[in-house]
């Protein structure tokens, strides 16, 4: 049987090793969660930017077509500007809180989903 000082020394050494391992594991879990959430957001942002570029080119085409239909090219751009202004007012006054809630729930769910997968 070991003497009490050696037993305590062994216990402290094991506790130290355990705490270092737990700390490193926690860092790796946090890194995995952060990486998964960030990559998900980056991929979705890339898709969103690509879709936004499509919409810009598409809207320029619609504006030019409307301008030709009404006789002046700038009429088409003014009509589209008024249309998007109306949509932005609608989104701001009627759907602002709903959209904010949806986006925050998405981010929170992504973080907790990744955290739950790390525990397994």
PDB file of N, CA and C in Angstrom:
ATOM      1  N   UNK A   1       0.848  -1.186   0.000  1.00  0.00           N
ATOM      2  CA  UNK A   1       0.000   0.000   0.000  1.00  0.00           C
ATOM      3  C   UNK A   1       0.885   1.238   0.000  1.00  0.00           C
ATOM      4  N   UNK A   2       0.431   2.260  -0.753  1.00  0.00           N
ATOM      5  CA  UNK A   2       1.220   3.493  -0.863  1.00  0.00           C
ATOM      6  C   UNK A   2       1.112   4.308   0.415  1.00  0.00           C
ATOM      7  N   UNK A   3       2.115   5.090   0.639  1.00  0.00           N
ATOM      8  CA  UNK A   3       2.084   5.975   1.809  1.00  0.00           C
ATOM      9  C   UNK A   3       1.181   7.169   1.510  1.00  0.00           C
ATOM     10  N   UNK A   4       0.618   7.820   2.541  1.00  0.00           N
ATOM     11  CA  UNK A   4      -0.315   8.933   2.332  1.00  0.00           C
ATOM     12  C   UNK A   4       0.240  10.074   1.466  1.00  0.00           C
ATOM     13  N   UNK A   5       1.504  10.498   1.619  1.00  0.00           N
ATOM     14  CA  UNK A   5       1.971  11.571   0.744  1.00  0.00           C
ATOM     15  C   UNK A   5       1.996  11.154  -0.727  1.00  0.00           C
ATOM     16  N   UNK A   6       2.394   9.909  -1.014  1.00  0.00           N
ATOM     17  CA  UNK A   6       2.408   9.441  -2.400  1.00  0.00           C
ATOM     18  C   UNK A   6       1.003   9.297  -2.953  1.00  0.00           C
ATOM     19  N   UNK A   7       0.071   8.881  -2.111  1.00  0.00           N
ATOM     20  CA  UNK A   7      -1.315   8.753  -2.527  1.00  0.00           C
ATOM     21  C   UNK A   7      -1.897  10.117  -2.880  1.00  0.00           C
ATOM     22  N   UNK A   8      -1.653  11.123  -2.048  1.00  0.00           N
ATOM     23  CA  UNK A   8      -2.131  12.476  -2.332  1.00  0.00           C
ATOM     24  C   UNK A   8      -1.464  13.043  -3.581  1.00  0.00           C
ATOM     25  N   UNK A   9      -0.185  12.782  -3.720  1.00  0.00           N
ATOM     26  CA  UNK A   9       0.538  13.269  -4.900  1.00  0.00           C
ATOM     27  C   UNK A   9      -0.025  12.639  -6.163  1.00  0.00           C
ATOM     28  N   UNK A  10      -0.305  11.356  -6.113  1.00  0.00           N
ATOM     29  CA  UNK A  10      -0.900  10.662  -7.252  1.00  0.00           C
ATOM     30  C   UNK A  10      -2.293  11.203  -7.551  1.00  0.00           C
ATOM     31  N   UNK A  11      -3.058  11.460  -6.515  1.00  0.00           N
ATOM     32  CA  UNK A  11      -4.404  12.004  -6.682  1.00  0.00           C
ATOM     33  C   UNK A  11      -4.354  13.395  -7.312  1.00  0.00           C
ATOM     34  N   UNK A  12      -3.452  14.257  -6.836  1.00  0.00           N
ATOM     35  CA  UNK A  12      -3.311  15.592  -7.415  1.00  0.00           C
ATOM     36  C   UNK A  12      -2.863  15.521  -8.869  1.00  0.00           C
ATOM     37  N   UNK A  13      -1.977  14.590  -9.164  1.00  0.00           N
ATOM     38  CA  UNK A  13      -1.486  14.434 -10.533  1.00  0.00           C
ATOM     39  C   UNK A  13      -2.633  13.999 -11.456  1.00  0.00           C
ATOM     40  N   UNK A  14      -3.458  13.060 -11.000  1.00  0.00           N
ATOM     41  CA  UNK A  14      -4.597  12.607 -11.797  1.00  0.00           C
ATOM     42  C   UNK A  14      -5.643  13.721 -11.959  1.00  0.00           C
ATOM     43  N   UNK A  15      -5.870  14.462 -10.891  1.00  0.00           N
ATOM     44  CA  UNK A  15      -6.816  15.580 -10.964  1.00  0.00           C
ATOM     45  C   UNK A  15      -6.305  16.642 -11.928  1.00  0.00           C
ATOM     46  N   UNK A  16      -5.026  16.909 -11.906  1.00  0.00           N
ATOM     47  CA  UNK A  16      -4.430  17.883 -12.817  1.00  0.00           C
ATOM     48  C   UNK A  16      -4.556  17.414 -14.267  1.00  0.00           C
ATOM     49  N   UNK A  17      -4.266  16.151 -14.498  1.00  0.00           N
ATOM     50  CA  UNK A  17      -4.390  15.587 -15.840  1.00  0.00           C
ATOM     51  C   UNK A  17      -5.836  15.637 -16.313  1.00  0.00           C
ATOM     52  N   UNK A  18      -6.768  15.297 -15.427  1.00  0.00           N
ATOM     53  CA  UNK A  18      -8.184  15.333 -15.766  1.00  0.00           C
ATOM     54  C   UNK A  18      -8.627  16.754 -16.110  1.00  0.00           C
ATOM     55  N   UNK A  19      -8.222  17.720 -15.311  1.00  0.00           N
ATOM     56  CA  UNK A  19      -8.651  19.101 -15.562  1.00  0.00           C
ATOM     57  C   UNK A  19      -8.068  19.625 -16.872  1.00  0.00           C
ATOM     58  N   UNK A  20      -6.826  19.284 -17.182  1.00  0.00           N
ATOM     59  CA  UNK A  20      -6.229  19.712 -18.455  1.00  0.00           C
ATOM     60  C   UNK A  20      -6.946  19.057 -19.631  1.00  0.00           C
ATOM     61  N   UNK A  21      -7.246  17.790 -19.493  1.00  0.00           N
ATOM     62  CA  UNK A  21      -7.962  17.082 -20.558  1.00  0.00           C
ATOM     63  C   UNK A  21      -9.360  17.646 -20.743  1.00  0.00           C
ATOM     64  N   UNK A  22     -10.057  17.907 -19.655  1.00  0.00           N
ATOM     65  CA  UNK A  22     -11.401  18.481 -19.728  1.00  0.00           C
ATOM     66  C   UNK A  22     -11.366  19.876 -20.366  1.00  0.00           C
ATOM     67  N   UNK A  23     -10.380  20.663 -19.995  1.00  0.00           N
ATOM     68  CA  UNK A  23     -10.232  21.999 -20.569  1.00  0.00           C
ATOM     69  C   UNK A  23      -9.984  21.904 -22.077  1.00  0.00           C
ATOM     70  N   UNK A  24      -9.085  21.020 -22.494  1.00  0.00           N
ATOM     71  CA  UNK A  24      -8.804  20.865 -23.927  1.00  0.00           C
ATOM     72  C   UNK A  24     -10.026  20.341 -24.676  1.00  0.00           C
ATOM     73  N   UNK A  25     -10.751  19.416 -24.077  1.00  0.00           N
ATOM     74  CA  UNK A  25     -11.969  18.900 -24.697  1.00  0.00           C
ATOM     75  C   UNK A  25     -13.016  19.999 -24.835  1.00  0.00           C
ATOM     76  N   UNK A  26     -13.151  20.837 -23.832  1.00  0.00           N
ATOM     77  CA  UNK A  26     -14.105  21.952 -23.894  1.00  0.00           C
ATOM     78  C   UNK A  26     -13.723  22.932 -24.990  1.00  0.00           C
ATOM     79  N   UNK A  27     -12.433  23.208 -25.116  1.00  0.00           N
ATOM     80  CA  UNK A  27     -11.978  24.096 -26.188  1.00  0.00           C
ATOM     81  C   UNK A  27     -12.300  23.506 -27.561  1.00  0.00           C
ATOM     82  N   UNK A  28     -12.066  22.210 -27.714  1.00  0.00           N
ATOM     83  CA  UNK A  28     -12.339  21.563 -28.997  1.00  0.00           C
ATOM     84  C   UNK A  28     -13.828  21.530 -29.310  1.00  0.00           C
ATOM     85  N   UNK A  29     -14.649  21.297 -28.292  1.00  0.00           N
ATOM     86  CA  UNK A  29     -16.104  21.331 -28.514  1.00  0.00           C
ATOM     87  C   UNK A  29     -16.565  22.721 -28.921  1.00  0.00           C
ATOM     88  N   UNK A  30     -16.052  23.744 -28.245  1.00  0.00           N
ATOM     89  CA  UNK A  30     -16.416  25.119 -28.589  1.00  0.00           C
ATOM     90  C   UNK A  30     -15.943  25.458 -29.999  1.00  0.00           C
ATOM     91  N   UNK A  31     -14.755  25.012 -30.350  1.00  0.00           N
ATOM     92  CA  UNK A  31     -14.233  25.258 -31.690  1.00  0.00           C
ATOM     93  C   UNK A  31     -15.080  24.562 -32.739  1.00  0.00           C
ATOM     94  N   UNK A  32     -15.489  23.321 -32.477  1.00  0.00           N
ATOM     95  CA  UNK A  32     -16.323  22.596 -33.432  1.00  0.00           C
ATOM     96  C   UNK A  32     -17.671  23.277 -33.615  1.00  0.00           C
ATOM     97  N   UNK A  33     -18.279  23.686 -32.510  1.00  0.00           N
ATOM     98  CA  UNK A  33     -19.572  24.360 -32.587  1.00  0.00           C
ATOM     99  C   UNK A  33     -19.453  25.673 -33.350  1.00  0.00           C
ATOM    100  N   UNK A  34     -18.454  26.456 -33.028  1.00  0.00           N
ATOM    101  CA  UNK A  34     -18.248  27.731 -33.714  1.00  0.00           C
ATOM    102  C   UNK A  34     -17.987  27.523 -35.193  1.00  0.00           C
ATOM    103  N   UNK A  35     -17.170  26.548 -35.514  1.00  0.00           N
ATOM    104  CA  UNK A  35     -16.852  26.275 -36.912  1.00  0.00           C
ATOM    105  C   UNK A  35     -18.081  25.826 -37.686  1.00  0.00           C
ATOM    106  N   UNK A  36     -18.868  24.945 -37.100  1.00  0.00           N
ATOM    107  CA  UNK A  36     -20.072  24.467 -37.786  1.00  0.00           C
ATOM    108  C   UNK A  36     -21.081  25.584 -38.002  1.00  0.00           C
ATOM    109  N   UNK A  37     -21.283  26.409 -37.001  1.00  0.00           N
ATOM    110  CA  UNK A  37     -22.225  27.521 -37.145  1.00  0.00           C
ATOM    111  C   UNK A  37     -21.703  28.523 -38.182  1.00  0.00           C
ATOM    112  N   UNK A  38     -20.418  28.847 -38.109  1.00  0.00           N
ATOM    113  CA  UNK A  38     -19.840  29.813 -39.046  1.00  0.00           C
ATOM    114  C   UNK A  38     -19.894  29.295 -40.477  1.00  0.00           C
ATOM    115  N   UNK A  39     -19.567  28.027 -40.693  1.00  0.00           N
ATOM    116  CA  UNK A  39     -19.595  27.507 -42.061  1.00  0.00           C
ATOM    117  C   UNK A  39     -21.017  27.445 -42.593  1.00  0.00           C
ATOM    118  N   UNK A  40     -21.966  27.103 -41.745  1.00  0.00           N
ATOM    119  CA  UNK A  40     -23.361  27.106 -42.180  1.00  0.00           C
ATOM    120  C   UNK A  40     -23.785  28.510 -42.603  1.00  0.00           C
ATOM    121  N   UNK A  41     -23.431  29.501 -41.800  1.00  0.00           N
ATOM    122  CA  UNK A  41     -23.796  30.873 -42.126  1.00  0.00           C
ATOM    123  C   UNK A  41     -23.077  31.359 -43.384  1.00  0.00           C
ATOM    124  N   UNK A  42     -21.810  30.977 -43.559  1.00  0.00           N
ATOM    125  CA  UNK A  42     -21.065  31.404 -44.746  1.00  0.00           C
ATOM    126  C   UNK A  42     -21.661  30.789 -46.004  1.00  0.00           C
ATOM    127  N   UNK A  43     -22.009  29.515 -45.947  1.00  0.00           N
ATOM    128  CA  UNK A  43     -22.609  28.860 -47.116  1.00  0.00           C
ATOM    129  C   UNK A  43     -23.940  29.519 -47.454  1.00  0.00           C
ATOM    130  N   UNK A  44     -24.744  29.753 -46.446  1.00  0.00           N
ATOM    131  CA  UNK A  44     -26.035  30.409 -46.710  1.00  0.00           C
ATOM    132  C   UNK A  44     -25.840  31.838 -47.225  1.00  0.00           C
ATOM    133  N   UNK A  45     -24.820  32.507 -46.732  1.00  0.00           N
ATOM    134  CA  UNK A  45     -24.530  33.855 -47.217  1.00  0.00           C
ATOM    135  C   UNK A  45     -24.097  33.823 -48.673  1.00  0.00           C
ATOM    136  N   UNK A  46     -23.301  32.842 -49.050  1.00  0.00           N
ATOM    137  CA  UNK A  46     -22.885  32.710 -50.450  1.00  0.00           C
ATOM    138  C   UNK A  46     -24.089  32.479 -51.364  1.00  0.00           C
ATOM    139  N   UNK A  47     -24.987  31.621 -50.933  1.00  0.00           N
ATOM    140  CA  UNK A  47     -26.202  31.377 -51.717  1.00  0.00           C
ATOM    141  C   UNK A  47     -27.025  32.654 -51.797  1.00  0.00           C
ATOM    142  N   UNK A  48     -27.115  33.365 -50.696  1.00  0.00           N
ATOM    143  CA  UNK A  48     -27.881  34.606 -50.673  1.00  0.00           C
ATOM    144  C   UNK A  48     -27.270  35.660 -51.594  1.00  0.00           C
ATOM    145  N   UNK A  49     -25.951  35.785 -51.585  1.00  0.00           N
ATOM    146  CA  UNK A  49     -25.281  36.760 -52.462  1.00  0.00           C
ATOM    147  C   UNK A  49     -25.499  36.391 -53.926  1.00  0.00           C
ATOM    148  N   UNK A  50     -25.385  35.112 -54.240  1.00  0.00           N
ATOM    149  CA  UNK A  50     -25.613  34.673 -55.619  1.00  0.00           C
ATOM    150  C   UNK A  50     -27.039  34.964 -56.050  1.00  0.00           C
ATOM    151  N   UNK A  51     -27.989  34.679 -55.175  1.00  0.00           N
ATOM    152  CA  UNK A  51     -29.383  34.962 -55.485  1.00  0.00           C
ATOM    153  C   UNK A  51     -29.612  36.463 -55.623  1.00  0.00           C
ATOM    154  N   UNK A  52     -28.949  37.255 -54.789  1.00  0.00           N
ATOM    155  CA  UNK A  52     -29.082  38.714 -54.872  1.00  0.00           C
ATOM    156  C   UNK A  52     -28.544  39.234 -56.203  1.00  0.00           C
ATOM    157  N   UNK A  53     -27.427  38.679 -56.650  1.00  0.00           N
ATOM    158  CA  UNK A  53     -26.888  39.086 -57.956  1.00  0.00           C
ATOM    159  C   UNK A  53     -27.862  38.726 -59.077  1.00  0.00           C
ATOM    160  N   UNK A  54     -28.451  37.552 -58.992  1.00  0.00           N
ATOM    161  CA  UNK A  54     -29.470  37.169 -59.963  1.00  0.00           C
ATOM    162  C   UNK A  54     -30.614  38.175 -59.962  1.00  0.00           C
ATOM    163  N   UNK A  55     -31.087  38.542 -58.768  1.00  0.00           N
ATOM    164  CA  UNK A  55     -32.196  39.487 -58.679  1.00  0.00           C
ATOM    165  C   UNK A  55     -31.832  40.859 -59.246  1.00  0.00           C
ATOM    166  N   UNK A  56     -30.594  41.296 -59.031  1.00  0.00           N
ATOM    167  CA  UNK A  56     -30.171  42.596 -59.565  1.00  0.00           C
ATOM    168  C   UNK A  56     -30.221  42.577 -61.088  1.00  0.00           C
ATOM    169  N   UNK A  57     -29.651  41.559 -61.685  1.00  0.00           N
ATOM    170  CA  UNK A  57     -29.638  41.469 -63.147  1.00  0.00           C
ATOM    171  C   UNK A  57     -31.058  41.302 -63.680  1.00  0.00           C
ATOM    172  N   UNK A  58     -31.847  40.489 -63.029  1.00  0.00           N
ATOM    173  CA  UNK A  58     -33.228  40.284 -63.437  1.00  0.00           C
ATOM    174  C   UNK A  58     -34.025  41.585 -63.352  1.00  0.00           C
ATOM    175  N   UNK A  59     -33.820  42.346 -62.267  1.00  0.00           N
ATOM    176  CA  UNK A  59     -34.534  43.616 -62.103  1.00  0.00           C
ATOM    177  C   UNK A  59     -34.095  44.652 -63.119  1.00  0.00           C
ATOM    178  N   UNK A  60     -32.832  44.644 -63.482  1.00  0.00           N
ATOM    179  CA  UNK A  60     -32.387  45.558 -64.539  1.00  0.00           C
ATOM    180  C   UNK A  60     -33.096  45.220 -65.841  1.00  0.00           C
ATOM    181  N   UNK A  61     -33.207  43.921 -66.121  1.00  0.00           N
ATOM    182  CA  UNK A  61     -33.938  43.506 -67.325  1.00  0.00           C
ATOM    183  C   UNK A  61     -35.392  43.931 -67.288  1.00  0.00           C
ATOM    184  N   UNK A  62     -36.056  43.734 -66.141  1.00  0.00           N
ATOM    185  CA  UNK A  62     -37.458  44.158 -66.015  1.00  0.00           C
ATOM    186  C   UNK A  62     -37.570  45.670 -66.151  1.00  0.00           C
ATOM    187  N   UNK A  63     -36.665  46.407 -65.538  1.00  0.00           N
ATOM    188  CA  UNK A  63     -36.715  47.869 -65.618  1.00  0.00           C
ATOM    189  C   UNK A  63     -36.533  48.333 -67.062  1.00  0.00           C
ATOM    190  N   UNK A  64     -35.612  47.734 -67.772  1.00  0.00           N
ATOM    191  CA  UNK A  64     -35.426  48.108 -69.184  1.00  0.00           C
ATOM    192  C   UNK A  64     -36.661  47.767 -70.006  1.00  0.00           C
ATOM    193  N   UNK A  65     -37.249  46.610 -69.762  1.00  0.00           N
ATOM    194  CA  UNK A  65     -38.453  46.208 -70.491  1.00  0.00           C
ATOM    195  C   UNK A  65     -39.614  47.162 -70.194  1.00  0.00           C
ATOM    196  N   UNK A  66     -39.800  47.487 -68.885  1.00  0.00           N
ATOM    197  CA  UNK A  66     -40.863  48.438 -68.530  1.00  0.00           C
ATOM    198  C   UNK A  66     -40.602  49.808 -69.146  1.00  0.00           C
ATOM    199  N   UNK A  67     -39.331  50.215 -69.161  1.00  0.00           N
ATOM    200  CA  UNK A  67     -38.989  51.495 -69.764  1.00  0.00           C
ATOM    201  C   UNK A  67     -39.334  51.537 -71.240  1.00  0.00           C
ATOM    202  N   UNK A  68     -39.083  50.456 -71.939  1.00  0.00           N
ATOM    203  CA  UNK A  68     -39.436  50.391 -73.360  1.00  0.00           C
ATOM    204  C   UNK A  68     -40.950  50.424 -73.517  1.00  0.00           C
ATOM    205  N   UNK A  69     -41.688  49.743 -72.631  1.00  0.00           N
ATOM    206  CA  UNK A  69     -43.147  49.713 -72.707  1.00  0.00           C
ATOM    207  C   UNK A  69     -43.767  51.099 -72.469  1.00  0.00           C
ATOM    208  N   UNK A  70     -43.151  51.889 -71.589  1.00  0.00           N
ATOM    209  CA  UNK A  70     -43.702  53.202 -71.267  1.00  0.00           C
ATOM    210  C   UNK A  70     -43.027  54.345 -72.020  1.00  0.00           C
ATOM    211  N   UNK A  71     -42.096  54.056 -72.879  1.00  0.00           N
ATOM    212  CA  UNK A  71     -41.527  55.073 -73.750  1.00  0.00           C
ATOM    213  C   UNK A  71     -40.232  55.702 -73.267  1.00  0.00           C
ATOM    214  N   UNK A  72     -39.920  55.668 -72.022  1.00  0.00           N
ATOM    215  CA  UNK A  72     -38.679  56.225 -71.472  1.00  0.00           C
ATOM    216  C   UNK A  72     -38.028  55.159 -70.592  1.00  0.00           C
ATOM    217  N   UNK A  73     -36.741  54.939 -70.785  1.00  0.00           N
ATOM    218  CA  UNK A  73     -36.039  53.890 -70.053  1.00  0.00           C
ATOM    219  C   UNK A  73     -36.108  54.135 -68.538  1.00  0.00           C
ATOM    220  N   UNK A  74     -35.954  55.375 -68.123  1.00  0.00           N
ATOM    221  CA  UNK A  74     -35.910  55.631 -66.681  1.00  0.00           C
ATOM    222  C   UNK A  74     -37.264  55.397 -66.010  1.00  0.00           C
ATOM    223  N   UNK A  75     -38.366  55.368 -66.755  1.00  0.00           N
ATOM    224  CA  UNK A  75     -39.658  55.056 -66.158  1.00  0.00           C
ATOM    225  C   UNK A  75     -39.663  53.649 -65.551  1.00  0.00           C
ATOM    226  N   UNK A  76     -39.029  52.731 -66.232  1.00  0.00           N
ATOM    227  CA  UNK A  76     -38.969  51.363 -65.715  1.00  0.00           C
ATOM    228  C   UNK A  76     -38.242  51.293 -64.387  1.00  0.00           C
ATOM    229  N   UNK A  77     -37.128  52.031 -64.277  1.00  0.00           N
ATOM    230  CA  UNK A  77     -36.372  52.039 -63.018  1.00  0.00           C
ATOM    231  C   UNK A  77     -37.160  52.734 -61.910  1.00  0.00           C
ATOM    232  N   UNK A  78     -37.873  53.805 -62.254  1.00  0.00           N
ATOM    233  CA  UNK A  78     -38.690  54.483 -61.253  1.00  0.00           C
ATOM    234  C   UNK A  78     -39.834  53.599 -60.769  1.00  0.00           C
ATOM    235  N   UNK A  79     -40.443  52.860 -61.680  1.00  0.00           N
ATOM    236  CA  UNK A  79     -41.539  51.965 -61.300  1.00  0.00           C
ATOM    237  C   UNK A  79     -41.020  50.873 -60.356  1.00  0.00           C
ATOM    238  N   UNK A  80     -39.880  50.279 -60.695  1.00  0.00           N
ATOM    239  CA  UNK A  80     -39.311  49.239 -59.827  1.00  0.00           C
ATOM    240  C   UNK A  80     -38.878  49.810 -58.482  1.00  0.00           C
ATOM    241  N   UNK A  81     -38.330  51.020 -58.480  1.00  0.00           N
ATOM    242  CA  UNK A  81     -37.927  51.644 -57.222  1.00  0.00           C
ATOM    243  C   UNK A  81     -39.143  51.860 -56.323  1.00  0.00           C
ATOM    244  N   UNK A  82     -40.233  52.325 -56.888  1.00  0.00           N
ATOM    245  CA  UNK A  82     -41.462  52.528 -56.112  1.00  0.00           C
ATOM    246  C   UNK A  82     -41.998  51.196 -55.592  1.00  0.00           C
ATOM    247  N   UNK A  83     -41.935  50.162 -56.428  1.00  0.00           N
ATOM    248  CA  UNK A  83     -42.385  48.829 -56.027  1.00  0.00           C
ATOM    249  C   UNK A  83     -41.574  48.322 -54.831  1.00  0.00           C
ATOM    250  N   UNK A  84     -40.248  48.435 -54.907  1.00  0.00           N
ATOM    251  CA  UNK A  84     -39.408  47.952 -53.809  1.00  0.00           C
ATOM    252  C   UNK A  84     -39.516  48.840 -52.567  1.00  0.00           C
ATOM    253  N   UNK A  85     -39.789  50.095 -52.750  1.00  0.00           N
ATOM    254  CA  UNK A  85     -40.025  50.963 -51.603  1.00  0.00           C
ATOM    255  C   UNK A  85     -41.289  50.516 -50.863  1.00  0.00           C
ATOM    256  N   UNK A  86     -42.333  50.186 -51.605  1.00  0.00           N
ATOM    257  CA  UNK A  86     -43.574  49.705 -50.992  1.00  0.00           C
ATOM    258  C   UNK A  86     -43.333  48.384 -50.256  1.00  0.00           C
ATOM    259  N   UNK A  87     -42.570  47.495 -50.868  1.00  0.00           N
ATOM    260  CA  UNK A  87     -42.260  46.221 -50.210  1.00  0.00           C
ATOM    261  C   UNK A  87     -41.452  46.448 -48.945  1.00  0.00           C
ATOM    262  N   UNK A  88     -40.490  47.363 -48.991  1.00  0.00           N
ATOM    263  CA  UNK A  88     -39.666  47.617 -47.800  1.00  0.00           C
ATOM    264  C   UNK A  88     -40.504  48.210 -46.668  1.00  0.00           C
ATOM    265  N   UNK A  89     -41.424  49.082 -46.986  1.00  0.00           N
ATOM    266  CA  UNK A  89     -42.319  49.606 -45.944  1.00  0.00           C
ATOM    267  C   UNK A  89     -43.166  48.494 -45.341  1.00  0.00           C
ATOM    268  N   UNK A  90     -43.690  47.630 -46.191  1.00  0.00           N
ATOM    269  CA  UNK A  90     -44.481  46.494 -45.724  1.00  0.00           C
ATOM    270  C   UNK A  90     -43.660  45.609 -44.794  1.00  0.00           C
ATOM    271  N   UNK A  91     -42.439  45.266 -45.212  1.00  0.00           N
ATOM    272  CA  UNK A  91     -41.582  44.416 -44.393  1.00  0.00           C
ATOM    273  C   UNK A  91     -41.227  45.090 -43.075  1.00  0.00           C
ATOM    274  N   UNK A  92     -40.933  46.369 -43.128  1.00  0.00           N
ATOM    275  CA  UNK A  92     -40.528  47.069 -41.911  1.00  0.00           C
ATOM    276  C   UNK A  92     -41.664  47.173 -40.899  1.00  0.00           C
ATOM    277  N   UNK A  93     -42.827  47.573 -41.353  1.00  0.00           N
ATOM    278  CA  UNK A  93     -43.909  47.829 -40.409  1.00  0.00           C
ATOM    279  C   UNK A  93     -44.711  46.586 -40.031  1.00  0.00           C
ATOM    280  N   UNK A  94     -44.805  45.617 -40.926  1.00  0.00           N
ATOM    281  CA  UNK A  94     -45.660  44.472 -40.631  1.00  0.00           C
ATOM    282  C   UNK A  94     -44.897  43.190 -40.304  1.00  0.00           C
ATOM    283  N   UNK A  95     -43.713  43.013 -40.881  1.00  0.00           N
ATOM    284  CA  UNK A  95     -43.017  41.749 -40.695  1.00  0.00           C
ATOM    285  C   UNK A  95     -41.677  41.870 -39.976  1.00  0.00           C
ATOM    286  N   UNK A  96     -41.327  43.062 -39.501  1.00  0.00           N
ATOM    287  CA  UNK A  96     -40.015  43.280 -38.889  1.00  0.00           C
ATOM    288  C   UNK A  96     -39.793  42.359 -37.685  1.00  0.00           C
ATOM    289  N   UNK A  97     -40.730  42.339 -36.769  1.00  0.00           N
ATOM    290  CA  UNK A  97     -40.562  41.521 -35.557  1.00  0.00           C
ATOM    291  C   UNK A  97     -40.584  40.038 -35.888  1.00  0.00           C
ATOM    292  N   UNK A  98     -41.433  39.642 -36.827  1.00  0.00           N
ATOM    293  CA  UNK A  98     -41.510  38.250 -37.223  1.00  0.00           C
ATOM    294  C   UNK A  98     -40.192  37.789 -37.848  1.00  0.00           C
ATOM    295  N   UNK A  99     -39.641  38.587 -38.767  1.00  0.00           N
ATOM    296  CA  UNK A  99     -38.372  38.228 -39.398  1.00  0.00           C
ATOM    297  C   UNK A  99     -37.232  38.191 -38.387  1.00  0.00           C
ATOM    298  N   UNK A 100     -37.200  39.161 -37.492  1.00  0.00           N
ATOM    299  CA  UNK A 100     -36.158  39.205 -36.466  1.00  0.00           C
ATOM    300  C   UNK A 100     -36.224  37.964 -35.584  1.00  0.00           C
ATOM    301  N   UNK A 101     -37.415  37.575 -35.201  1.00  0.00           N
ATOM    302  CA  UNK A 101     -37.600  36.397 -34.361  1.00  0.00           C
ATOM    303  C   UNK A 101     -37.157  35.130 -35.101  1.00  0.00           C
ATOM    304  N   UNK A 102     -37.511  35.017 -36.384  1.00  0.00           N
ATOM    305  CA  UNK A 102     -37.140  33.837 -37.174  1.00  0.00           C
ATOM    306  C   UNK A 102     -35.627  33.713 -37.301  1.00  0.00           C
ATOM    307  N   UNK A 103     -34.950  34.818 -37.577  1.00  0.00           N
ATOM    308  CA  UNK A 103     -33.491  34.783 -37.744  1.00  0.00           C
ATOM    309  C   UNK A 103     -32.816  34.446 -36.424  1.00  0.00           C
ATOM    310  N   UNK A 104     -33.256  35.041 -35.335  1.00  0.00           N
ATOM    311  CA  UNK A 104     -32.635  34.745 -34.042  1.00  0.00           C
ATOM    312  C   UNK A 104     -32.875  33.297 -33.631  1.00  0.00           C
ATOM    313  N   UNK A 105     -34.062  32.760 -33.906  1.00  0.00           N
ATOM    314  CA  UNK A 105     -34.330  31.354 -33.599  1.00  0.00           C
ATOM    315  C   UNK A 105     -33.455  30.434 -34.442  1.00  0.00           C
ATOM    316  N   UNK A 106     -33.232  30.805 -35.703  1.00  0.00           N
ATOM    317  CA  UNK A 106     -32.368  29.997 -36.565  1.00  0.00           C
ATOM    318  C   UNK A 106     -30.954  29.926 -36.006  1.00  0.00           C
ATOM    319  N   UNK A 107     -30.398  31.063 -35.629  1.00  0.00           N
ATOM    320  CA  UNK A 107     -29.029  31.085 -35.105  1.00  0.00           C
ATOM    321  C   UNK A 107     -28.939  30.312 -33.796  1.00  0.00           C
ATOM    322  N   UNK A 108     -29.895  30.513 -32.905  1.00  0.00           N
ATOM    323  CA  UNK A 108     -29.884  29.815 -31.614  1.00  0.00           C
ATOM    324  C   UNK A 108     -30.024  28.308 -31.818  1.00  0.00           C
ATOM    325  N   UNK A 109     -30.917  27.896 -32.713  1.00  0.00           N
ATOM    326  CA  UNK A 109     -31.089  26.467 -32.981  1.00  0.00           C
ATOM    327  C   UNK A 109     -29.827  25.860 -33.575  1.00  0.00           C
ATOM    328  N   UNK A 110     -29.152  26.594 -34.455  1.00  0.00           N
ATOM    329  CA  UNK A 110     -27.896  26.099 -35.025  1.00  0.00           C
ATOM    330  C   UNK A 110     -26.863  25.883 -33.926  1.00  0.00           C
ATOM    331  N   UNK A 111     -26.754  26.830 -33.022  1.00  0.00           N
ATOM    332  CA  UNK A 111     -25.763  26.715 -31.949  1.00  0.00           C
ATOM    333  C   UNK A 111     -26.090  25.531 -31.047  1.00  0.00           C
ATOM    334  N   UNK A 112     -27.369  25.396 -30.632  1.00  0.00           N
ATOM    335  CA  UNK A 112     -27.723  24.303 -29.741  1.00  0.00           C
ATOM    336  C   UNK A 112     -27.688  22.949 -30.440  1.00  0.00           C
ATOM    337  N   UNK A 113     -28.017  22.919 -31.715  1.00  0.00           N
ATOM    338  CA  UNK A 113     -27.952  21.663 -32.461  1.00  0.00           C
ATOM    339  C   UNK A 113     -26.508  21.173 -32.534  1.00  0.00           C
ATOM    340  N   UNK A 114     -25.572  22.081 -32.792  1.00  0.00           N
ATOM    341  CA  UNK A 114     -24.169  21.716 -32.855  1.00  0.00           C
ATOM    342  C   UNK A 114     -23.645  21.333 -31.474  1.00  0.00           C
ATOM    343  N   UNK A 115     -24.119  22.011 -30.431  1.00  0.00           N
ATOM    344  CA  UNK A 115     -23.691  21.697 -29.074  1.00  0.00           C
ATOM    345  C   UNK A 115     -24.181  20.302 -28.677  1.00  0.00           C
ATOM    346  N   UNK A 116     -25.411  19.959 -29.041  1.00  0.00           N
ATOM    347  CA  UNK A 116     -25.947  18.631 -28.722  1.00  0.00           C
ATOM    348  C   UNK A 116     -25.191  17.538 -29.462  1.00  0.00           C
ATOM    349  N   UNK A 117     -24.787  17.787 -30.702  1.00  0.00           N
ATOM    350  CA  UNK A 117     -24.055  16.768 -31.449  1.00  0.00           C
ATOM    351  C   UNK A 117     -22.647  16.576 -30.881  1.00  0.00           C
ATOM    352  N   UNK A 118     -22.101  17.596 -30.239  1.00  0.00           N
ATOM    353  CA  UNK A 118     -20.765  17.465 -29.630  1.00  0.00           C
ATOM    354  C   UNK A 118     -20.810  16.582 -28.391  1.00  0.00           C
ATOM    355  N   UNK A 119     -21.942  16.551 -27.698  1.00  0.00           N
ATOM    356  CA  UNK A 119     -22.036  15.782 -26.456  1.00  0.00           C
ATOM    357  C   UNK A 119     -22.102  14.277 -26.714  1.00  0.00           C
ATOM    358  N   UNK A 120     -22.518  13.889 -27.903  1.00  0.00           N
ATOM    359  CA  UNK A 120     -22.685  12.460 -28.196  1.00  0.00           C
ATOM    360  C   UNK A 120     -21.380  11.755 -28.363  1.00  0.00           C
TER     361      UNK A 120
END
